[in-house]
Every structure is written in C-alpha cells, then in structure tokens.
C-alpha cells in the first residue's frame, strides 16, 4: 500500500486571495475593540440636565425708603410734622408706618418728636393680613428757634431813639414773635404768649417802682406819677409759653439777654 504523503501542495493548488475578505473583517473588528477599550471610564462625563434658571427674589429692604416732610422743614421738638414715605416697588396703600406709639396704614404719618431722634419703621401689608418688615430710618430732631420778644404801646413798638413819654404809660402788651422760618412751616405750632412779666422803673441804679404781671397785658398807670425824663423802664419777660397744634402748652426757654427790654423815658 502506498504511504500517505505530507508534502505541501504544489504551486497549482495555492490560492492566496481566497482569505482576504475574512482577514479584513478581523482587522477592523480588532481596531474597534482596541479603541473602545482604550477609553478611561473614570474620565467619561455622563450627560447632564440643563440647570434651572434662578429667579431673583426681590427684597425692598435693599432699596432705601424715601421720607419727605410735608411741612418742608426739619423735624422740630414738640411740633407736629407730617411725613410721607415711599419704598421702591411697594404700593403706598400697602405700607404700615410706625413711630413711637403712632401707627398708620398708608404713605403718611404725623409725628410729634420729643427726643433728639425718632425711629420710623416701614412694613408691607401682605394679602393675608400679616406684615413684612421693610426698613427703619433714624430721623434727627432739632430745637425750635426762640421767639423774638417785644413790647407794644397802642399796638406799636417803642421807638428806641425817641423813647416813651410818661403820658403813654397806660396799657402795654408784651409779644413773642415766632421765628419766621419755623412759623412758615409750622404755623399751627407757633402760637406764643408771655405768661410772667416784671417791670421795674430805675433812676440811675436806684429802683423806683416794680410791678409783676401774670399775662401779656401790662397796666403801667402806676408808673406815670413816678418816672421822669431820663429814667428807664426795665421790662423782663420771665416766662414765655407756646401752644402747639394739639393744644398742648409748653414753656419756652428764653435766655436772660433776650428776655430783657429797656425802655427810655423821655
């Protein structure tokens, strides 16, 4: 029997292009697998949702509230001032204003300061009836300028050069004129009167006669028979009172220099 042959086939049996499609497919598959395997899973970024748009929360406290005096002047101690308040983006009819023991709903509040400063707070009235705090302002307060004092005879002031004739020493009236700036903005708070007056007649340094009065009307008839030319009458207004818009009476401080009026007898 002939033995099996293990010799390679001859040239006529070899077909080199028969396996090319299969080799190409294997090569492409290997490259794709290598590329996908080379990616670092730790550095991959998963897809994310679009971040939500943030809505700005409006806070009226970030905007300074405006305070204006309807009296068009400063706040005076123990005088009524009407204040109008506004806060940006807050309806005026939703404002609650509080100062000391006074509380109002709306843009206007009346205050009568008694200290050097007052605190004015604003709240917003919410639809459910509650309130939300907005801001507090500290407002300065000033003293009322003192009045000007004088004496009238027959409704007229005394001519300082001519002086006063003894025959004119009948009825006189002391007056306290309010400061023009204060009176122009707070007319209802600027009602003054002298409540305590003392009149003394002097000849040189010697007192001749003295009378005291508890009103602004002075009866000087007793001095007519006492004084003579070159004597002087010293009118000292010891106390001045002011009535404010609420009808309250206050004693007005007057300096010792302002309260003395010298009348020369001619």
C-alpha atoms as a PDB file:
ATOM      1  CA  UNK A   1       0.000   0.000   0.000  1.00  0.00           C
ATOM      2  CA  UNK A   2       1.345   3.386  -0.709  1.00  0.00           C
ATOM      3  CA  UNK A   3       2.194   5.508   2.344  1.00  0.00           C
ATOM      4  CA  UNK A   4       0.309   8.807   2.971  1.00  0.00           C
ATOM      5  CA  UNK A   5       2.025  11.861   1.604  1.00  0.00           C
ATOM      6  CA  UNK A   6       2.569  15.056   3.942  1.00  0.00           C
ATOM      7  CA  UNK A   7       4.234  17.113   1.199  1.00  0.00           C
ATOM      8  CA  UNK A   8       2.928  20.674   0.563  1.00  0.00           C
ATOM      9  CA  UNK A   9       0.669  21.079  -2.356  1.00  0.00           C
ATOM     10  CA  UNK A  10       2.267  22.225  -5.482  1.00  0.00           C
ATOM     11  CA  UNK A  11       2.016  25.704  -6.920  1.00  0.00           C
ATOM     12  CA  UNK A  12      -1.038  24.851  -8.828  1.00  0.00           C
ATOM     13  CA  UNK A  13      -3.081  24.232  -5.646  1.00  0.00           C
ATOM     14  CA  UNK A  14      -2.240  27.520  -3.736  1.00  0.00           C
ATOM     15  CA  UNK A  15      -4.958  30.465  -3.870  1.00  0.00           C
ATOM     16  CA  UNK A  16      -3.549  33.499  -1.869  1.00  0.00           C
ATOM     17  CA  UNK A  17      -6.584  35.909  -2.326  1.00  0.00           C
ATOM     18  CA  UNK A  18      -9.165  33.480  -1.113  1.00  0.00           C
ATOM     19  CA  UNK A  19      -8.818  34.587   2.564  1.00  0.00           C
ATOM     20  CA  UNK A  20      -8.530  38.405   2.131  1.00  0.00           C
ATOM     21  CA  UNK A  21     -12.178  39.331   2.966  1.00  0.00           C
ATOM     22  CA  UNK A  22     -12.042  37.371   6.170  1.00  0.00           C
ATOM     23  CA  UNK A  23      -8.731  38.900   7.228  1.00  0.00           C
ATOM     24  CA  UNK A  24     -10.008  42.430   6.545  1.00  0.00           C
ATOM     25  CA  UNK A  25     -13.079  41.830   8.727  1.00  0.00           C
ATOM     26  CA  UNK A  26     -10.961  40.515  11.582  1.00  0.00           C
ATOM     27  CA  UNK A  27      -8.618  43.530  11.375  1.00  0.00           C
ATOM     28  CA  UNK A  28     -11.435  46.086  11.518  1.00  0.00           C
ATOM     29  CA  UNK A  29     -13.088  44.280  14.436  1.00  0.00           C
ATOM     30  CA  UNK A  30      -9.793  44.258  16.351  1.00  0.00           C
ATOM     31  CA  UNK A  31      -9.209  48.022  15.827  1.00  0.00           C
ATOM     32  CA  UNK A  32     -12.691  48.940  17.019  1.00  0.00           C
ATOM     33  CA  UNK A  33     -12.305  46.790  20.107  1.00  0.00           C
ATOM     34  CA  UNK A  34      -8.947  48.370  20.914  1.00  0.00           C
ATOM     35  CA  UNK A  35     -10.288  51.886  20.505  1.00  0.00           C
ATOM     36  CA  UNK A  36     -13.241  51.301  22.783  1.00  0.00           C
ATOM     37  CA  UNK A  37     -11.082  49.599  25.357  1.00  0.00           C
ATOM     38  CA  UNK A  38      -8.567  52.442  25.498  1.00  0.00           C
ATOM     39  CA  UNK A  39     -11.102  54.940  26.906  1.00  0.00           C
ATOM     40  CA  UNK A  40     -10.738  55.708  30.628  1.00  0.00           C
ATOM     41  CA  UNK A  41     -14.122  55.094  32.227  1.00  0.00           C
ATOM     42  CA  UNK A  42     -13.131  57.367  35.097  1.00  0.00           C
ATOM     43  CA  UNK A  43     -12.852  60.403  32.840  1.00  0.00           C
ATOM     44  CA  UNK A  44     -16.039  59.981  30.932  1.00  0.00           C
ATOM     45  CA  UNK A  45     -18.701  62.719  31.533  1.00  0.00           C
ATOM     46  CA  UNK A  46     -22.246  61.484  31.717  1.00  0.00           C
ATOM     47  CA  UNK A  47     -24.852  63.724  30.080  1.00  0.00           C
ATOM     48  CA  UNK A  48     -26.460  66.248  32.454  1.00  0.00           C
ATOM     49  CA  UNK A  49     -29.750  68.125  32.507  1.00  0.00           C
ATOM     50  CA  UNK A  50     -29.860  71.884  31.713  1.00  0.00           C
ATOM     51  CA  UNK A  51     -29.508  73.836  35.001  1.00  0.00           C
ATOM     52  CA  UNK A  52     -32.713  75.579  36.066  1.00  0.00           C
ATOM     53  CA  UNK A  53     -32.979  79.367  35.644  1.00  0.00           C
ATOM     54  CA  UNK A  54     -32.722  81.087  39.051  1.00  0.00           C
ATOM     55  CA  UNK A  55     -35.386  83.687  39.734  1.00  0.00           C
ATOM     56  CA  UNK A  56     -34.221  86.787  41.644  1.00  0.00           C
ATOM     57  CA  UNK A  57     -36.061  87.284  44.920  1.00  0.00           C
ATOM     58  CA  UNK A  58     -36.882  90.995  45.327  1.00  0.00           C
ATOM     59  CA  UNK A  59     -36.247  92.431  48.776  1.00  0.00           C
ATOM     60  CA  UNK A  60     -37.494  96.012  49.297  1.00  0.00           C
ATOM     61  CA  UNK A  61     -35.052  96.286  52.183  1.00  0.00           C
ATOM     62  CA  UNK A  62     -32.268  96.549  49.629  1.00  0.00           C
ATOM     63  CA  UNK A  63     -33.668  99.897  48.477  1.00  0.00           C
ATOM     64  CA  UNK A  64     -33.642 102.971  50.744  1.00  0.00           C
ATOM     65  CA  UNK A  65     -37.076 104.294  51.584  1.00  0.00           C
ATOM     66  CA  UNK A  66     -37.780 107.938  50.917  1.00  0.00           C
ATOM     67  CA  UNK A  67     -39.067 110.199  53.716  1.00  0.00           C
ATOM     68  CA  UNK A  68     -40.291 113.705  52.962  1.00  0.00           C
ATOM     69  CA  UNK A  69     -41.807 116.272  55.308  1.00  0.00           C
ATOM     70  CA  UNK A  70     -44.983 117.885  54.034  1.00  0.00           C
ATOM     71  CA  UNK A  71     -44.068 120.861  56.237  1.00  0.00           C
ATOM     72  CA  UNK A  72     -40.965 121.349  54.035  1.00  0.00           C
ATOM     73  CA  UNK A  73     -38.728 121.817  57.015  1.00  0.00           C
ATOM     74  CA  UNK A  74     -36.798 119.889  59.656  1.00  0.00           C
ATOM     75  CA  UNK A  75     -38.425 117.912  62.426  1.00  0.00           C
ATOM     76  CA  UNK A  76     -38.862 120.187  65.442  1.00  0.00           C
ATOM     77  CA  UNK A  77     -39.127 119.023  69.009  1.00  0.00           C
ATOM     78  CA  UNK A  78     -42.736 119.041  70.285  1.00  0.00           C
ATOM     79  CA  UNK A  79     -44.077 120.282  66.949  1.00  0.00           C
ATOM     80  CA  UNK A  80     -46.245 118.238  64.604  1.00  0.00           C
ATOM     81  CA  UNK A  81     -44.733 117.134  61.299  1.00  0.00           C
ATOM     82  CA  UNK A  82     -46.493 115.161  58.560  1.00  0.00           C
ATOM     83  CA  UNK A  83     -44.152 112.675  56.857  1.00  0.00           C
ATOM     84  CA  UNK A  84     -44.733 110.985  53.500  1.00  0.00           C
ATOM     85  CA  UNK A  85     -42.929 107.663  52.980  1.00  0.00           C
ATOM     86  CA  UNK A  86     -42.317 105.615  49.845  1.00  0.00           C
ATOM     87  CA  UNK A  87     -40.430 102.363  49.272  1.00  0.00           C
ATOM     88  CA  UNK A  88     -39.483 101.338  45.705  1.00  0.00           C
ATOM     89  CA  UNK A  89     -41.751  98.635  44.238  1.00  0.00           C
ATOM     90  CA  UNK A  90     -44.062  98.636  47.279  1.00  0.00           C
ATOM     91  CA  UNK A  91     -47.584 100.031  46.854  1.00  0.00           C
ATOM     92  CA  UNK A  92     -48.227 103.058  49.034  1.00  0.00           C
ATOM     93  CA  UNK A  93     -51.548 101.656  50.268  1.00  0.00           C
ATOM     94  CA  UNK A  94     -49.698  98.542  51.471  1.00  0.00           C
ATOM     95  CA  UNK A  95     -47.377 100.483  53.779  1.00  0.00           C
ATOM     96  CA  UNK A  96     -47.647 100.331  57.564  1.00  0.00           C
ATOM     97  CA  UNK A  97     -45.715 103.131  59.275  1.00  0.00           C
ATOM     98  CA  UNK A  98     -44.748 103.015  62.945  1.00  0.00           C
ATOM     99  CA  UNK A  99     -43.033 105.692  65.031  1.00  0.00           C
ATOM    100  CA  UNK A 100     -43.052 105.584  68.826  1.00  0.00           C
ATOM    101  CA  UNK A 101     -46.668 104.826  69.748  1.00  0.00           C
ATOM    102  CA  UNK A 102     -48.114 106.040  66.439  1.00  0.00           C
ATOM    103  CA  UNK A 103     -49.075 103.531  63.712  1.00  0.00           C
ATOM    104  CA  UNK A 104     -50.799 104.289  60.421  1.00  0.00           C
ATOM    105  CA  UNK A 105     -51.688 102.431  57.221  1.00  0.00           C
ATOM    106  CA  UNK A 106     -50.739 104.359  54.096  1.00  0.00           C
ATOM    107  CA  UNK A 107     -47.906 106.604  52.993  1.00  0.00           C
ATOM    108  CA  UNK A 108     -48.387 109.436  55.540  1.00  0.00           C
ATOM    109  CA  UNK A 109     -47.754 109.600  59.284  1.00  0.00           C
ATOM    110  CA  UNK A 110     -47.897 112.540  61.732  1.00  0.00           C
ATOM    111  CA  UNK A 111     -45.212 112.691  64.418  1.00  0.00           C
ATOM    112  CA  UNK A 112     -44.564 114.986  67.380  1.00  0.00           C
ATOM    113  CA  UNK A 113     -40.941 114.294  68.382  1.00  0.00           C
ATOM    114  CA  UNK A 114     -39.848 114.744  71.986  1.00  0.00           C
ATOM    115  CA  UNK A 115     -36.265 113.419  71.754  1.00  0.00           C
ATOM    116  CA  UNK A 116     -33.121 114.140  69.731  1.00  0.00           C
ATOM    117  CA  UNK A 117     -34.016 111.435  67.168  1.00  0.00           C
ATOM    118  CA  UNK A 118     -37.038 109.391  66.206  1.00  0.00           C
ATOM    119  CA  UNK A 119     -37.235 105.893  64.732  1.00  0.00           C
ATOM    120  CA  UNK A 120     -39.537 105.468  61.737  1.00  0.00           C
ATOM    121  CA  UNK A 121     -40.208 101.866  60.640  1.00  0.00           C
ATOM    122  CA  UNK A 122     -41.986 100.681  57.486  1.00  0.00           C
ATOM    123  CA  UNK A 123     -43.765  97.358  56.981  1.00  0.00           C
ATOM    124  CA  UNK A 124     -45.555  95.863  53.991  1.00  0.00           C
ATOM    125  CA  UNK A 125     -49.143  94.728  54.489  1.00  0.00           C
ATOM    126  CA  UNK A 126     -49.466  91.278  52.884  1.00  0.00           C
ATOM    127  CA  UNK A 127     -52.675  89.870  51.309  1.00  0.00           C
ATOM    128  CA  UNK A 128     -53.255  87.503  54.265  1.00  0.00           C
ATOM    129  CA  UNK A 129     -53.253  90.447  56.683  1.00  0.00           C
ATOM    130  CA  UNK A 130     -49.774  89.812  58.078  1.00  0.00           C
ATOM    131  CA  UNK A 131     -46.940  92.263  57.751  1.00  0.00           C
ATOM    132  CA  UNK A 132     -43.389  92.071  56.498  1.00  0.00           C
ATOM    133  CA  UNK A 133     -40.680  94.330  57.901  1.00  0.00           C
ATOM    134  CA  UNK A 134     -39.041  96.579  55.314  1.00  0.00           C
ATOM    135  CA  UNK A 135     -36.783  99.196  56.862  1.00  0.00           C
ATOM    136  CA  UNK A 136     -36.173 101.565  59.776  1.00  0.00           C
ATOM    137  CA  UNK A 137     -34.890 105.116  59.424  1.00  0.00           C
ATOM    138  CA  UNK A 138     -33.460 107.310  62.188  1.00  0.00           C
ATOM    139  CA  UNK A 139     -34.529 110.920  61.718  1.00  0.00           C
ATOM    140  CA  UNK A 140     -32.834 113.847  63.508  1.00  0.00           C
ATOM    141  CA  UNK A 141     -34.859 116.338  65.549  1.00  0.00           C
ATOM    142  CA  UNK A 142     -33.927 119.975  66.173  1.00  0.00           C
ATOM    143  CA  UNK A 143     -34.960 122.538  68.775  1.00  0.00           C
ATOM    144  CA  UNK A 144     -37.415 125.262  67.822  1.00  0.00           C
ATOM    145  CA  UNK A 145     -35.631 128.619  67.388  1.00  0.00           C
ATOM    146  CA  UNK A 146     -36.536 131.035  70.199  1.00  0.00           C
ATOM    147  CA  UNK A 147     -39.074 133.795  69.508  1.00  0.00           C
ATOM    148  CA  UNK A 148     -38.298 137.499  69.334  1.00  0.00           C
ATOM    149  CA  UNK A 149     -39.683 139.462  72.286  1.00  0.00           C
ATOM    150  CA  UNK A 150     -41.036 142.995  72.373  1.00  0.00           C
ATOM    151  CA  UNK A 151     -43.435 145.480  73.997  1.00  0.00           C
ATOM    152  CA  UNK A 152     -46.271 147.246  72.204  1.00  0.00           C
ATOM    153  CA  UNK A 153     -47.965 150.516  73.176  1.00  0.00           C
ATOM    154  CA  UNK A 154     -51.223 151.034  71.357  1.00  0.00           C
ATOM    155  CA  UNK A 155     -50.324 148.162  69.058  1.00  0.00           C
ATOM    156  CA  UNK A 156     -46.973 149.721  68.069  1.00  0.00           C
ATOM    157  CA  UNK A 157     -43.446 149.074  69.192  1.00  0.00           C
ATOM    158  CA  UNK A 158     -41.486 151.775  71.014  1.00  0.00           C
ATOM    159  CA  UNK A 159     -39.122 153.964  69.003  1.00  0.00           C
ATOM    160  CA  UNK A 160     -35.759 153.268  70.635  1.00  0.00           C
ATOM    161  CA  UNK A 161     -34.442 156.738  69.723  1.00  0.00           C
ATOM    162  CA  UNK A 162     -37.458 158.794  70.792  1.00  0.00           C
ATOM    163  CA  UNK A 163     -38.193 156.661  73.805  1.00  0.00           C
ATOM    164  CA  UNK A 164     -41.536 156.753  75.595  1.00  0.00           C
ATOM    165  CA  UNK A 165     -43.411 159.695  77.073  1.00  0.00           C
ATOM    166  CA  UNK A 166     -44.680 159.283  80.659  1.00  0.00           C
ATOM    167  CA  UNK A 167     -48.165 160.121  79.433  1.00  0.00           C
ATOM    168  CA  UNK A 168     -48.123 156.995  77.285  1.00  0.00           C
ATOM    169  CA  UNK A 169     -47.603 154.735  80.274  1.00  0.00           C
ATOM    170  CA  UNK A 170     -51.078 153.250  80.292  1.00  0.00           C
ATOM    171  CA  UNK A 171     -51.748 149.785  78.911  1.00  0.00           C
ATOM    172  CA  UNK A 172     -48.996 147.884  77.130  1.00  0.00           C
ATOM    173  CA  UNK A 173     -48.636 144.373  75.750  1.00  0.00           C
ATOM    174  CA  UNK A 174     -45.668 142.032  75.633  1.00  0.00           C
ATOM    175  CA  UNK A 175     -45.345 139.986  72.459  1.00  0.00           C
ATOM    176  CA  UNK A 176     -43.356 136.950  71.374  1.00  0.00           C
ATOM    177  CA  UNK A 177     -42.878 136.749  67.613  1.00  0.00           C
ATOM    178  CA  UNK A 178     -42.177 133.239  66.317  1.00  0.00           C
ATOM    179  CA  UNK A 179     -39.071 132.567  64.286  1.00  0.00           C
ATOM    180  CA  UNK A 180     -40.071 133.271  60.632  1.00  0.00           C
ATOM    181  CA  UNK A 181     -38.596 130.017  59.322  1.00  0.00           C
ATOM    182  CA  UNK A 182     -40.396 127.936  61.942  1.00  0.00           C
ATOM    183  CA  UNK A 183     -43.675 129.825  61.539  1.00  0.00           C
ATOM    184  CA  UNK A 184     -43.656 129.385  57.762  1.00  0.00           C
ATOM    185  CA  UNK A 185     -43.650 125.580  58.030  1.00  0.00           C
ATOM    186  CA  UNK A 186     -45.366 125.005  61.400  1.00  0.00           C
ATOM    187  CA  UNK A 187     -47.847 127.864  61.739  1.00  0.00           C
ATOM    188  CA  UNK A 188     -50.226 125.883  63.965  1.00  0.00           C
ATOM    189  CA  UNK A 189     -47.391 125.176  66.399  1.00  0.00           C
ATOM    190  CA  UNK A 190     -46.104 128.760  66.549  1.00  0.00           C
ATOM    191  CA  UNK A 191     -48.586 130.472  68.900  1.00  0.00           C
ATOM    192  CA  UNK A 192     -46.705 132.281  71.682  1.00  0.00           C
ATOM    193  CA  UNK A 193     -47.590 134.452  74.652  1.00  0.00           C
ATOM    194  CA  UNK A 194     -45.773 135.900  77.630  1.00  0.00           C
ATOM    195  CA  UNK A 195     -47.088 134.472  80.884  1.00  0.00           C
ATOM    196  CA  UNK A 196     -44.914 136.131  83.535  1.00  0.00           C
ATOM    197  CA  UNK A 197     -43.574 139.691  83.261  1.00  0.00           C
ATOM    198  CA  UNK A 198     -41.847 142.027  85.686  1.00  0.00           C
ATOM    199  CA  UNK A 199     -41.471 145.805  85.123  1.00  0.00           C
ATOM    200  CA  UNK A 200     -39.145 148.000  87.205  1.00  0.00           C
ATOM    201  CA  UNK A 201     -38.504 151.751  86.902  1.00  0.00           C
ATOM    202  CA  UNK A 202     -34.922 152.929  87.544  1.00  0.00           C
ATOM    203  CA  UNK A 203     -33.337 156.305  88.043  1.00  0.00           C
ATOM    204  CA  UNK A 204     -29.704 155.596  87.525  1.00  0.00           C
ATOM    205  CA  UNK A 205     -29.097 152.426  89.540  1.00  0.00           C
ATOM    206  CA  UNK A 206     -31.881 153.134  92.021  1.00  0.00           C
ATOM    207  CA  UNK A 207     -35.141 151.177  91.600  1.00  0.00           C
ATOM    208  CA  UNK A 208     -38.231 153.385  91.897  1.00  0.00           C
ATOM    209  CA  UNK A 209     -41.179 151.017  91.421  1.00  0.00           C
ATOM    210  CA  UNK A 210     -41.698 147.403  90.437  1.00  0.00           C
ATOM    211  CA  UNK A 211     -44.778 145.516  89.322  1.00  0.00           C
ATOM    212  CA  UNK A 212     -45.350 141.858  88.358  1.00  0.00           C
ATOM    213  CA  UNK A 213     -47.854 140.539  85.816  1.00  0.00           C
ATOM    214  CA  UNK A 214     -49.124 137.060  85.018  1.00  0.00           C
ATOM    215  CA  UNK A 215     -50.329 137.822  81.496  1.00  0.00           C
ATOM    216  CA  UNK A 216     -49.099 139.639  78.425  1.00  0.00           C
ATOM    217  CA  UNK A 217     -51.243 142.709  79.208  1.00  0.00           C
ATOM    218  CA  UNK A 218     -49.429 145.293  81.367  1.00  0.00           C
ATOM    219  CA  UNK A 219     -51.168 148.092  83.286  1.00  0.00           C
ATOM    220  CA  UNK A 220     -48.428 150.719  83.650  1.00  0.00           C
ATOM    221  CA  UNK A 221     -50.575 153.548  85.000  1.00  0.00           C
ATOM    222  CA  UNK A 222     -48.854 153.355  88.405  1.00  0.00           C
ATOM    223  CA  UNK A 223     -45.555 154.398  86.785  1.00  0.00           C
ATOM    224  CA  UNK A 224     -46.892 157.643  85.313  1.00  0.00           C
ATOM    225  CA  UNK A 225     -46.521 159.629  88.527  1.00  0.00           C
ATOM    226  CA  UNK A 226     -43.153 158.089  89.438  1.00  0.00           C
ATOM    227  CA  UNK A 227     -40.918 158.396  86.404  1.00  0.00           C
ATOM    228  CA  UNK A 228     -39.406 161.452  84.767  1.00  0.00           C
ATOM    229  CA  UNK A 229     -37.269 162.018  81.672  1.00  0.00           C
ATOM    230  CA  UNK A 230     -34.015 160.011  81.559  1.00  0.00           C
ATOM    231  CA  UNK A 231     -35.452 157.314  83.783  1.00  0.00           C
ATOM    232  CA  UNK A 232     -35.728 153.816  82.311  1.00  0.00           C
ATOM    233  CA  UNK A 233     -38.234 151.026  82.475  1.00  0.00           C
ATOM    234  CA  UNK A 234     -36.795 147.500  82.534  1.00  0.00           C
ATOM    235  CA  UNK A 235     -39.320 145.007  81.180  1.00  0.00           C
ATOM    236  CA  UNK A 236     -38.251 141.455  81.958  1.00  0.00           C
ATOM    237  CA  UNK A 237     -40.260 138.668  80.342  1.00  0.00           C
ATOM    238  CA  UNK A 238     -39.642 135.821  82.773  1.00  0.00           C
ATOM    239  CA  UNK A 239     -41.717 133.130  81.088  1.00  0.00           C
ATOM    240  CA  UNK A 240     -42.966 132.501  77.546  1.00  0.00           C
ATOM    241  CA  UNK A 241     -45.394 129.769  76.602  1.00  0.00           C
ATOM    242  CA  UNK A 242     -46.143 128.135  73.266  1.00  0.00           C
ATOM    243  CA  UNK A 243     -49.291 126.303  72.233  1.00  0.00           C
ATOM    244  CA  UNK A 244     -48.805 123.522  69.688  1.00  0.00           C
ATOM    245  CA  UNK A 245     -51.198 122.144  67.069  1.00  0.00           C
ATOM    246  CA  UNK A 246     -52.711 119.720  69.597  1.00  0.00           C
ATOM    247  CA  UNK A 247     -53.474 122.488  72.102  1.00  0.00           C
ATOM    248  CA  UNK A 248     -50.680 121.470  74.483  1.00  0.00           C
ATOM    249  CA  UNK A 249     -48.841 124.258  76.304  1.00  0.00           C
ATOM    250  CA  UNK A 250     -45.042 124.283  76.648  1.00  0.00           C
ATOM    251  CA  UNK A 251     -42.744 126.674  78.495  1.00  0.00           C
ATOM    252  CA  UNK A 252     -40.216 128.122  76.050  1.00  0.00           C
ATOM    253  CA  UNK A 253     -36.658 128.616  77.290  1.00  0.00           C
ATOM    254  CA  UNK A 254     -35.565 132.209  76.754  1.00  0.00           C
ATOM    255  CA  UNK A 255     -32.063 133.448  77.537  1.00  0.00           C
ATOM    256  CA  UNK A 256     -31.548 136.171  80.146  1.00  0.00           C
ATOM    257  CA  UNK A 257     -30.304 138.549  77.453  1.00  0.00           C
ATOM    258  CA  UNK A 258     -33.275 138.060  75.131  1.00  0.00           C
ATOM    259  CA  UNK A 259     -35.908 138.431  77.804  1.00  0.00           C
ATOM    260  CA  UNK A 260     -34.865 141.947  78.963  1.00  0.00           C
ATOM    261  CA  UNK A 261     -36.279 145.013  77.152  1.00  0.00           C
ATOM    262  CA  UNK A 262     -35.097 148.508  78.091  1.00  0.00           C
ATOM    263  CA  UNK A 263     -37.471 151.474  77.536  1.00  0.00           C
ATOM    264  CA  UNK A 264     -36.082 155.002  77.929  1.00  0.00           C
ATOM    265  CA  UNK A 265     -38.421 157.650  79.354  1.00  0.00           C
ATOM    266  CA  UNK A 266     -38.205 160.998  77.527  1.00  0.00           C
END
